[in-house]
């Protein structure tokens, strides 16, 4: 009976003591480092920006895969396929320069060179999407462009 009481008290006391100890440590660190809050905020912001960048790159990668599939169907002269292809490609190029765009240029460069008139239309679509992207995601777009400049 006594062992059960002691073991149940220990099961409760140990996690509580660990939590209290961590709170004391955290408070001590916060008080002794004046830039602690700022560094913590910057660390969180970097993690958030990285996750957003990763999600945008994943979205761009998916668009590239879609464009590849649609490019295989371009020879059918189907207007809906052409529009979907142009939409996917223009969205890829609306983002700041990155490795996915480089891959898209390698893959679709020969196709686009054959159709100079389509290139002009595509550039107009890209510019419109870039403006919309900059308005909708101003902070992220600035972050992505800053990363392009530093790379």
N, C-alpha and C. Protein backbone atom coordinates (compact mmCIF):
# COMPACT_ATOMS: atom_id res chain seq x y z
N UNK A 1 0.82 -1.20 0.00
CA UNK A 1 0.00 0.00 0.00
C UNK A 1 0.86 1.26 0.00
N UNK A 2 1.87 1.25 0.87
CA UNK A 2 2.75 2.41 0.98
C UNK A 2 3.52 2.64 -0.32
N UNK A 3 3.99 1.58 -0.96
CA UNK A 3 4.73 1.70 -2.23
C UNK A 3 3.87 2.28 -3.34
N UNK A 4 2.60 1.94 -3.35
CA UNK A 4 1.70 2.49 -4.37
C UNK A 4 1.52 3.99 -4.19
N UNK A 5 1.41 4.43 -2.98
CA UNK A 5 1.25 5.86 -2.69
C UNK A 5 2.52 6.61 -3.06
N UNK A 6 3.66 6.08 -2.69
CA UNK A 6 4.93 6.73 -2.99
C UNK A 6 5.16 6.78 -4.50
N UNK A 7 4.90 5.68 -5.19
CA UNK A 7 5.13 5.65 -6.64
C UNK A 7 4.16 6.59 -7.37
N UNK A 8 2.91 6.67 -6.92
CA UNK A 8 1.98 7.58 -7.58
C UNK A 8 2.36 9.03 -7.30
N UNK A 9 2.86 9.32 -6.09
CA UNK A 9 3.33 10.69 -5.79
C UNK A 9 4.54 11.04 -6.65
N UNK A 10 5.43 10.07 -6.83
CA UNK A 10 6.59 10.31 -7.68
C UNK A 10 6.19 10.53 -9.13
N UNK A 11 5.20 9.78 -9.59
CA UNK A 11 4.73 9.95 -10.97
C UNK A 11 4.18 11.34 -11.21
N UNK A 12 3.64 11.95 -10.20
CA UNK A 12 3.10 13.31 -10.32
C UNK A 12 4.19 14.34 -10.06
N UNK A 13 5.02 14.10 -9.08
CA UNK A 13 6.00 15.09 -8.63
C UNK A 13 7.13 15.31 -9.63
N UNK A 14 7.60 14.25 -10.26
CA UNK A 14 8.75 14.38 -11.16
C UNK A 14 8.42 15.28 -12.36
N UNK A 15 7.32 15.04 -13.08
CA UNK A 15 7.02 15.95 -14.21
C UNK A 15 6.76 17.39 -13.77
N UNK A 16 6.13 17.55 -12.60
CA UNK A 16 5.86 18.90 -12.10
C UNK A 16 7.18 19.61 -11.79
N UNK A 17 8.09 18.91 -11.13
CA UNK A 17 9.40 19.51 -10.82
C UNK A 17 10.17 19.84 -12.09
N UNK A 18 10.09 18.97 -13.09
CA UNK A 18 10.77 19.26 -14.38
C UNK A 18 10.18 20.52 -15.03
N UNK A 19 8.86 20.64 -15.01
CA UNK A 19 8.21 21.81 -15.61
C UNK A 19 8.59 23.08 -14.86
N UNK A 20 8.60 23.02 -13.54
CA UNK A 20 8.96 24.19 -12.74
C UNK A 20 10.43 24.56 -12.98
N UNK A 21 11.28 23.54 -13.03
CA UNK A 21 12.70 23.79 -13.30
C UNK A 21 12.91 24.46 -14.65
N UNK A 22 12.18 24.00 -15.67
CA UNK A 22 12.31 24.61 -16.99
C UNK A 22 11.82 26.04 -16.97
N UNK A 23 10.72 26.30 -16.26
CA UNK A 23 10.21 27.68 -16.16
C UNK A 23 11.24 28.59 -15.50
N UNK A 24 11.87 28.11 -14.45
CA UNK A 24 12.89 28.91 -13.76
C UNK A 24 14.08 29.16 -14.69
N UNK A 25 14.53 28.14 -15.39
CA UNK A 25 15.63 28.29 -16.34
C UNK A 25 15.27 29.29 -17.45
N UNK A 26 14.07 29.15 -18.00
CA UNK A 26 13.63 30.03 -19.08
C UNK A 26 13.57 31.48 -18.59
N UNK A 27 13.03 31.69 -17.38
CA UNK A 27 12.94 33.04 -16.83
C UNK A 27 14.33 33.61 -16.58
N UNK A 28 15.23 32.80 -16.07
CA UNK A 28 16.61 33.25 -15.82
C UNK A 28 17.29 33.65 -17.14
N UNK A 29 17.13 32.83 -18.16
CA UNK A 29 17.73 33.13 -19.46
C UNK A 29 17.15 34.41 -20.04
N UNK A 30 15.85 34.57 -19.90
CA UNK A 30 15.18 35.77 -20.44
C UNK A 30 15.68 37.02 -19.74
N UNK A 31 15.86 36.96 -18.44
CA UNK A 31 16.28 38.14 -17.69
C UNK A 31 17.75 38.49 -17.91
N UNK A 32 18.59 37.50 -18.11
CA UNK A 32 20.03 37.74 -18.24
C UNK A 32 20.49 38.05 -19.65
N UNK A 33 19.66 37.83 -20.64
CA UNK A 33 20.03 38.14 -22.02
C UNK A 33 19.03 39.15 -22.57
N UNK A 34 19.43 40.41 -22.70
CA UNK A 34 18.49 41.45 -23.13
C UNK A 34 17.93 41.22 -24.54
N UNK A 35 18.68 40.54 -25.40
CA UNK A 35 18.19 40.31 -26.76
C UNK A 35 17.48 38.97 -26.90
N UNK A 36 17.18 38.34 -25.78
CA UNK A 36 16.58 37.00 -25.83
C UNK A 36 15.26 37.01 -26.58
N UNK A 37 14.38 37.96 -26.24
CA UNK A 37 13.07 38.03 -26.90
C UNK A 37 13.24 38.29 -28.40
N UNK A 38 14.13 39.23 -28.72
CA UNK A 38 14.36 39.57 -30.11
C UNK A 38 14.89 38.36 -30.88
N UNK A 39 15.86 37.67 -30.30
CA UNK A 39 16.43 36.49 -30.96
C UNK A 39 15.39 35.39 -31.12
N UNK A 40 14.56 35.21 -30.10
CA UNK A 40 13.51 34.20 -30.17
C UNK A 40 12.51 34.55 -31.27
N UNK A 41 12.14 35.83 -31.35
CA UNK A 41 11.20 36.29 -32.38
C UNK A 41 11.80 36.10 -33.77
N UNK A 42 13.08 36.46 -33.93
CA UNK A 42 13.75 36.29 -35.23
C UNK A 42 13.84 34.82 -35.62
N UNK A 43 14.12 33.98 -34.65
CA UNK A 43 14.20 32.55 -34.92
C UNK A 43 12.85 32.00 -35.39
N UNK A 44 11.80 32.42 -34.73
CA UNK A 44 10.45 31.99 -35.13
C UNK A 44 10.10 32.52 -36.51
N UNK A 45 10.46 33.78 -36.78
CA UNK A 45 10.16 34.38 -38.09
C UNK A 45 10.91 33.66 -39.19
N UNK A 46 12.18 33.31 -38.95
CA UNK A 46 12.96 32.57 -39.94
C UNK A 46 12.34 31.22 -40.23
N UNK A 47 11.91 30.54 -39.19
CA UNK A 47 11.28 29.23 -39.37
C UNK A 47 9.98 29.37 -40.15
N UNK A 48 9.22 30.41 -39.85
CA UNK A 48 7.95 30.64 -40.56
C UNK A 48 8.23 30.96 -42.03
N UNK A 49 9.20 31.84 -42.29
CA UNK A 49 9.54 32.20 -43.66
C UNK A 49 10.04 31.00 -44.44
N UNK A 50 10.83 30.16 -43.79
CA UNK A 50 11.35 28.97 -44.46
C UNK A 50 10.22 28.01 -44.81
N UNK A 51 9.26 27.86 -43.90
CA UNK A 51 8.14 26.96 -44.19
C UNK A 51 7.27 27.51 -45.31
N UNK A 52 7.09 28.83 -45.33
CA UNK A 52 6.31 29.45 -46.41
C UNK A 52 7.05 29.29 -47.74
N UNK A 53 8.36 29.53 -47.73
CA UNK A 53 9.15 29.39 -48.95
C UNK A 53 9.09 27.95 -49.46
N UNK A 54 9.18 27.01 -48.55
CA UNK A 54 9.11 25.60 -48.93
C UNK A 54 7.76 25.27 -49.54
N UNK A 55 6.69 25.83 -48.98
CA UNK A 55 5.36 25.55 -49.53
C UNK A 55 5.20 26.18 -50.91
N UNK A 56 5.75 27.39 -51.10
CA UNK A 56 5.67 28.02 -52.42
C UNK A 56 6.50 27.24 -53.45
N UNK A 57 7.67 26.76 -53.04
CA UNK A 57 8.48 25.96 -53.97
C UNK A 57 7.78 24.65 -54.30
N UNK A 58 7.11 24.06 -53.32
CA UNK A 58 6.36 22.82 -53.59
C UNK A 58 5.22 23.09 -54.57
N UNK A 59 4.55 24.22 -54.39
CA UNK A 59 3.47 24.60 -55.32
C UNK A 59 4.04 24.83 -56.72
N UNK A 60 5.19 25.47 -56.79
CA UNK A 60 5.83 25.72 -58.08
C UNK A 60 6.27 24.40 -58.72
N UNK A 61 6.79 23.49 -57.91
CA UNK A 61 7.21 22.17 -58.42
C UNK A 61 6.00 21.43 -59.00
N UNK A 62 4.87 21.51 -58.31
CA UNK A 62 3.65 20.86 -58.79
C UNK A 62 3.19 21.48 -60.12
N UNK A 63 3.30 22.80 -60.22
CA UNK A 63 2.95 23.47 -61.48
C UNK A 63 3.88 23.04 -62.61
N UNK A 64 5.14 22.87 -62.30
CA UNK A 64 6.10 22.42 -63.31
C UNK A 64 5.74 21.02 -63.80
N UNK A 65 5.37 20.14 -62.88
CA UNK A 65 4.96 18.80 -63.27
C UNK A 65 3.70 18.84 -64.13
N UNK A 66 2.77 19.71 -63.78
CA UNK A 66 1.55 19.87 -64.58
C UNK A 66 1.90 20.38 -65.96
N UNK A 67 2.79 21.37 -66.03
CA UNK A 67 3.20 21.92 -67.33
C UNK A 67 3.88 20.85 -68.19
N UNK A 68 4.66 19.97 -67.57
CA UNK A 68 5.29 18.88 -68.32
C UNK A 68 4.24 17.97 -68.94
N UNK A 69 3.24 17.63 -68.14
CA UNK A 69 2.17 16.77 -68.67
C UNK A 69 1.41 17.46 -69.80
N UNK A 70 1.14 18.74 -69.61
CA UNK A 70 0.40 19.47 -70.64
C UNK A 70 1.23 19.66 -71.90
N UNK A 71 2.54 19.80 -71.74
CA UNK A 71 3.41 19.98 -72.91
C UNK A 71 3.37 18.75 -73.81
N UNK A 72 3.16 17.59 -73.23
CA UNK A 72 3.05 16.38 -74.02
C UNK A 72 1.78 16.36 -74.86
N UNK A 73 0.79 17.15 -74.46
CA UNK A 73 -0.48 17.19 -75.17
C UNK A 73 -0.61 18.41 -76.08
N UNK A 74 0.42 19.25 -76.16
CA UNK A 74 0.33 20.47 -76.96
C UNK A 74 0.13 20.21 -78.44
N UNK A 75 0.61 19.10 -78.93
CA UNK A 75 0.51 18.82 -80.36
C UNK A 75 -0.93 18.60 -80.81
N UNK A 76 -1.86 18.43 -79.87
CA UNK A 76 -3.25 18.17 -80.22
C UNK A 76 -4.00 19.43 -80.65
N UNK A 77 -3.38 20.57 -80.49
CA UNK A 77 -3.98 21.87 -80.84
C UNK A 77 -5.27 22.13 -80.07
N UNK A 78 -5.37 21.58 -78.88
CA UNK A 78 -6.53 21.79 -78.03
C UNK A 78 -6.34 23.10 -77.27
N UNK A 79 -7.27 24.04 -77.43
CA UNK A 79 -7.15 25.36 -76.83
C UNK A 79 -7.14 25.29 -75.31
N UNK A 80 -7.93 24.40 -74.72
CA UNK A 80 -7.97 24.29 -73.26
C UNK A 80 -6.62 23.84 -72.71
N UNK A 81 -5.98 22.91 -73.40
CA UNK A 81 -4.66 22.44 -72.98
C UNK A 81 -3.65 23.57 -73.10
N UNK A 82 -3.71 24.33 -74.19
CA UNK A 82 -2.79 25.46 -74.37
C UNK A 82 -2.96 26.50 -73.26
N UNK A 83 -4.20 26.77 -72.89
CA UNK A 83 -4.46 27.76 -71.84
C UNK A 83 -3.95 27.26 -70.49
N UNK A 84 -4.20 25.99 -70.18
CA UNK A 84 -3.71 25.42 -68.91
C UNK A 84 -2.18 25.44 -68.87
N UNK A 85 -1.56 25.11 -70.01
CA UNK A 85 -0.10 25.11 -70.09
C UNK A 85 0.44 26.52 -69.86
N UNK A 86 -0.15 27.50 -70.53
CA UNK A 86 0.30 28.89 -70.38
C UNK A 86 0.07 29.38 -68.95
N UNK A 87 -1.04 28.98 -68.35
CA UNK A 87 -1.33 29.39 -66.98
C UNK A 87 -0.31 28.80 -66.01
N UNK A 88 -0.02 27.51 -66.14
CA UNK A 88 0.95 26.86 -65.25
C UNK A 88 2.34 27.47 -65.43
N UNK A 89 2.74 27.66 -66.67
CA UNK A 89 4.07 28.20 -66.94
C UNK A 89 4.20 29.64 -66.47
N UNK A 90 3.16 30.43 -66.68
CA UNK A 90 3.22 31.84 -66.26
C UNK A 90 3.27 31.95 -64.74
N UNK A 91 2.58 31.06 -64.05
CA UNK A 91 2.62 31.09 -62.59
C UNK A 91 4.02 30.73 -62.09
N UNK A 92 4.66 29.78 -62.74
CA UNK A 92 6.02 29.41 -62.36
C UNK A 92 6.96 30.62 -62.49
N UNK A 93 6.83 31.36 -63.59
CA UNK A 93 7.73 32.48 -63.84
C UNK A 93 7.33 33.76 -63.11
N UNK A 94 6.16 33.78 -62.46
CA UNK A 94 5.76 34.97 -61.71
C UNK A 94 6.54 35.09 -60.40
N UNK A 95 7.06 33.98 -59.89
CA UNK A 95 7.85 33.99 -58.66
C UNK A 95 9.24 34.55 -58.95
N UNK A 96 9.95 35.02 -57.90
CA UNK A 96 11.34 35.43 -58.11
C UNK A 96 12.17 34.26 -58.62
N UNK A 97 13.24 34.56 -59.26
CA UNK A 97 14.08 33.55 -59.89
C UNK A 97 14.53 32.50 -58.89
N UNK A 98 14.44 31.23 -59.29
CA UNK A 98 14.89 30.14 -58.43
C UNK A 98 15.20 28.91 -59.29
N UNK A 99 15.56 27.81 -58.63
CA UNK A 99 16.01 26.61 -59.34
C UNK A 99 14.90 25.97 -60.15
N UNK A 100 13.66 26.11 -59.73
CA UNK A 100 12.55 25.52 -60.49
C UNK A 100 12.36 26.26 -61.81
N UNK A 101 12.53 27.57 -61.79
CA UNK A 101 12.45 28.34 -63.03
C UNK A 101 13.57 27.95 -63.99
N UNK A 102 14.75 27.74 -63.45
CA UNK A 102 15.87 27.32 -64.30
C UNK A 102 15.55 25.99 -64.98
N UNK A 103 14.97 25.08 -64.22
CA UNK A 103 14.58 23.78 -64.78
C UNK A 103 13.50 23.95 -65.85
N UNK A 104 12.54 24.83 -65.59
CA UNK A 104 11.47 25.08 -66.56
C UNK A 104 12.03 25.68 -67.85
N UNK A 105 13.00 26.56 -67.73
CA UNK A 105 13.62 27.15 -68.93
C UNK A 105 14.32 26.08 -69.75
N UNK A 106 15.02 25.17 -69.07
CA UNK A 106 15.70 24.09 -69.79
C UNK A 106 14.70 23.19 -70.51
N UNK A 107 13.60 22.88 -69.84
CA UNK A 107 12.62 21.96 -70.41
C UNK A 107 11.82 22.61 -71.52
N UNK A 108 11.30 23.81 -71.26
CA UNK A 108 10.35 24.43 -72.18
C UNK A 108 10.97 25.48 -73.09
N UNK A 109 12.25 25.77 -72.91
CA UNK A 109 12.90 26.77 -73.77
C UNK A 109 12.75 26.49 -75.24
N UNK A 110 13.03 25.26 -75.71
CA UNK A 110 12.88 24.95 -77.13
C UNK A 110 11.44 25.13 -77.63
N UNK A 111 10.47 24.77 -76.80
CA UNK A 111 9.06 24.93 -77.21
C UNK A 111 8.73 26.40 -77.35
N UNK A 112 9.17 27.20 -76.40
CA UNK A 112 8.83 28.62 -76.40
C UNK A 112 9.57 29.37 -77.51
N UNK A 113 10.78 28.94 -77.87
CA UNK A 113 11.51 29.59 -78.94
C UNK A 113 10.82 29.40 -80.29
N UNK A 114 10.14 28.29 -80.46
CA UNK A 114 9.42 28.04 -81.72
C UNK A 114 8.21 28.94 -81.88
N UNK A 115 7.68 29.41 -80.77
CA UNK A 115 6.46 30.21 -80.80
C UNK A 115 6.72 31.60 -80.21
N UNK A 116 7.34 32.47 -80.98
CA UNK A 116 7.71 33.80 -80.48
C UNK A 116 6.47 34.62 -80.13
N UNK A 117 5.39 34.47 -80.91
CA UNK A 117 4.17 35.22 -80.63
C UNK A 117 3.56 34.79 -79.29
N UNK A 118 3.66 33.51 -78.98
CA UNK A 118 3.15 33.02 -77.71
C UNK A 118 4.01 33.54 -76.55
N UNK A 119 5.29 33.76 -76.81
CA UNK A 119 6.18 34.29 -75.78
C UNK A 119 5.74 35.67 -75.32
N UNK A 120 5.34 36.51 -76.27
CA UNK A 120 4.89 37.86 -75.91
C UNK A 120 3.65 37.80 -75.03
N UNK A 121 2.72 36.94 -75.41
CA UNK A 121 1.50 36.79 -74.61
C UNK A 121 1.84 36.25 -73.22
N UNK A 122 2.73 35.27 -73.19
CA UNK A 122 3.14 34.67 -71.92
C UNK A 122 3.81 35.70 -71.03
N UNK A 123 4.65 36.56 -71.59
CA UNK A 123 5.32 37.60 -70.78
C UNK A 123 4.29 38.55 -70.16
N UNK A 124 3.24 38.88 -70.93
CA UNK A 124 2.19 39.73 -70.38
C UNK A 124 1.46 39.06 -69.23
N UNK A 125 1.18 37.79 -69.39
CA UNK A 125 0.50 37.03 -68.32
C UNK A 125 1.41 36.95 -67.09
N UNK A 126 2.69 36.70 -67.31
CA UNK A 126 3.64 36.61 -66.19
C UNK A 126 3.69 37.93 -65.44
N UNK A 127 3.75 39.04 -66.16
CA UNK A 127 3.81 40.35 -65.49
C UNK A 127 2.55 40.60 -64.66
N UNK A 128 1.38 40.25 -65.19
CA UNK A 128 0.14 40.44 -64.45
C UNK A 128 0.12 39.56 -63.19
N UNK A 129 0.56 38.32 -63.33
CA UNK A 129 0.58 37.42 -62.17
C UNK A 129 1.62 37.87 -61.15
N UNK A 130 2.74 38.39 -61.61
CA UNK A 130 3.77 38.88 -60.70
C UNK A 130 3.24 40.05 -59.88
N UNK A 131 2.51 40.96 -60.52
CA UNK A 131 1.92 42.10 -59.81
C UNK A 131 0.93 41.61 -58.77
N UNK A 132 0.08 40.65 -59.16
CA UNK A 132 -0.90 40.11 -58.22
C UNK A 132 -0.21 39.40 -57.06
N UNK A 133 0.82 38.63 -57.35
CA UNK A 133 1.57 37.92 -56.32
C UNK A 133 2.23 38.91 -55.36
N UNK A 134 2.78 39.98 -55.90
CA UNK A 134 3.43 40.99 -55.06
C UNK A 134 2.42 41.67 -54.14
N UNK A 135 1.20 41.90 -54.64
CA UNK A 135 0.17 42.52 -53.81
C UNK A 135 -0.32 41.56 -52.73
N UNK A 136 -0.57 40.32 -53.12
CA UNK A 136 -1.14 39.35 -52.18
C UNK A 136 -0.15 38.89 -51.12
N UNK A 137 1.12 38.78 -51.50
CA UNK A 137 2.14 38.26 -50.59
C UNK A 137 3.36 39.18 -50.59
N UNK A 138 3.14 40.43 -50.22
CA UNK A 138 4.19 41.45 -50.28
C UNK A 138 5.43 41.06 -49.48
N UNK A 139 5.24 40.66 -48.23
CA UNK A 139 6.38 40.32 -47.36
C UNK A 139 7.13 39.11 -47.88
N UNK A 140 6.39 38.10 -48.28
CA UNK A 140 7.04 36.87 -48.76
C UNK A 140 7.78 37.14 -50.07
N UNK A 141 7.18 37.90 -50.95
CA UNK A 141 7.82 38.20 -52.23
C UNK A 141 9.13 38.94 -52.00
N UNK A 142 9.12 39.89 -51.06
CA UNK A 142 10.35 40.63 -50.73
C UNK A 142 11.40 39.68 -50.16
N UNK A 143 10.96 38.75 -49.33
CA UNK A 143 11.87 37.77 -48.76
C UNK A 143 12.49 36.90 -49.85
N UNK A 144 11.67 36.41 -50.75
CA UNK A 144 12.17 35.56 -51.84
C UNK A 144 13.14 36.31 -52.74
N UNK A 145 12.82 37.57 -53.03
CA UNK A 145 13.72 38.36 -53.87
C UNK A 145 15.04 38.64 -53.15
N UNK A 146 14.98 38.85 -51.83
CA UNK A 146 16.20 39.08 -51.06
C UNK A 146 17.07 37.83 -51.08
N UNK A 147 16.46 36.66 -51.04
CA UNK A 147 17.22 35.42 -51.10
C UNK A 147 17.84 35.23 -52.47
N UNK A 148 17.18 35.69 -53.52
CA UNK A 148 17.73 35.60 -54.87
C UNK A 148 18.96 36.49 -54.98
N UNK A 149 18.90 37.69 -54.39
CA UNK A 149 20.02 38.63 -54.46
C UNK A 149 21.22 38.07 -53.69
N UNK A 150 20.98 37.47 -52.51
CA UNK A 150 22.08 36.95 -51.71
C UNK A 150 22.70 35.69 -52.35
N UNK A 151 21.90 34.95 -53.11
CA UNK A 151 22.45 33.75 -53.76
C UNK A 151 23.14 34.16 -54.98
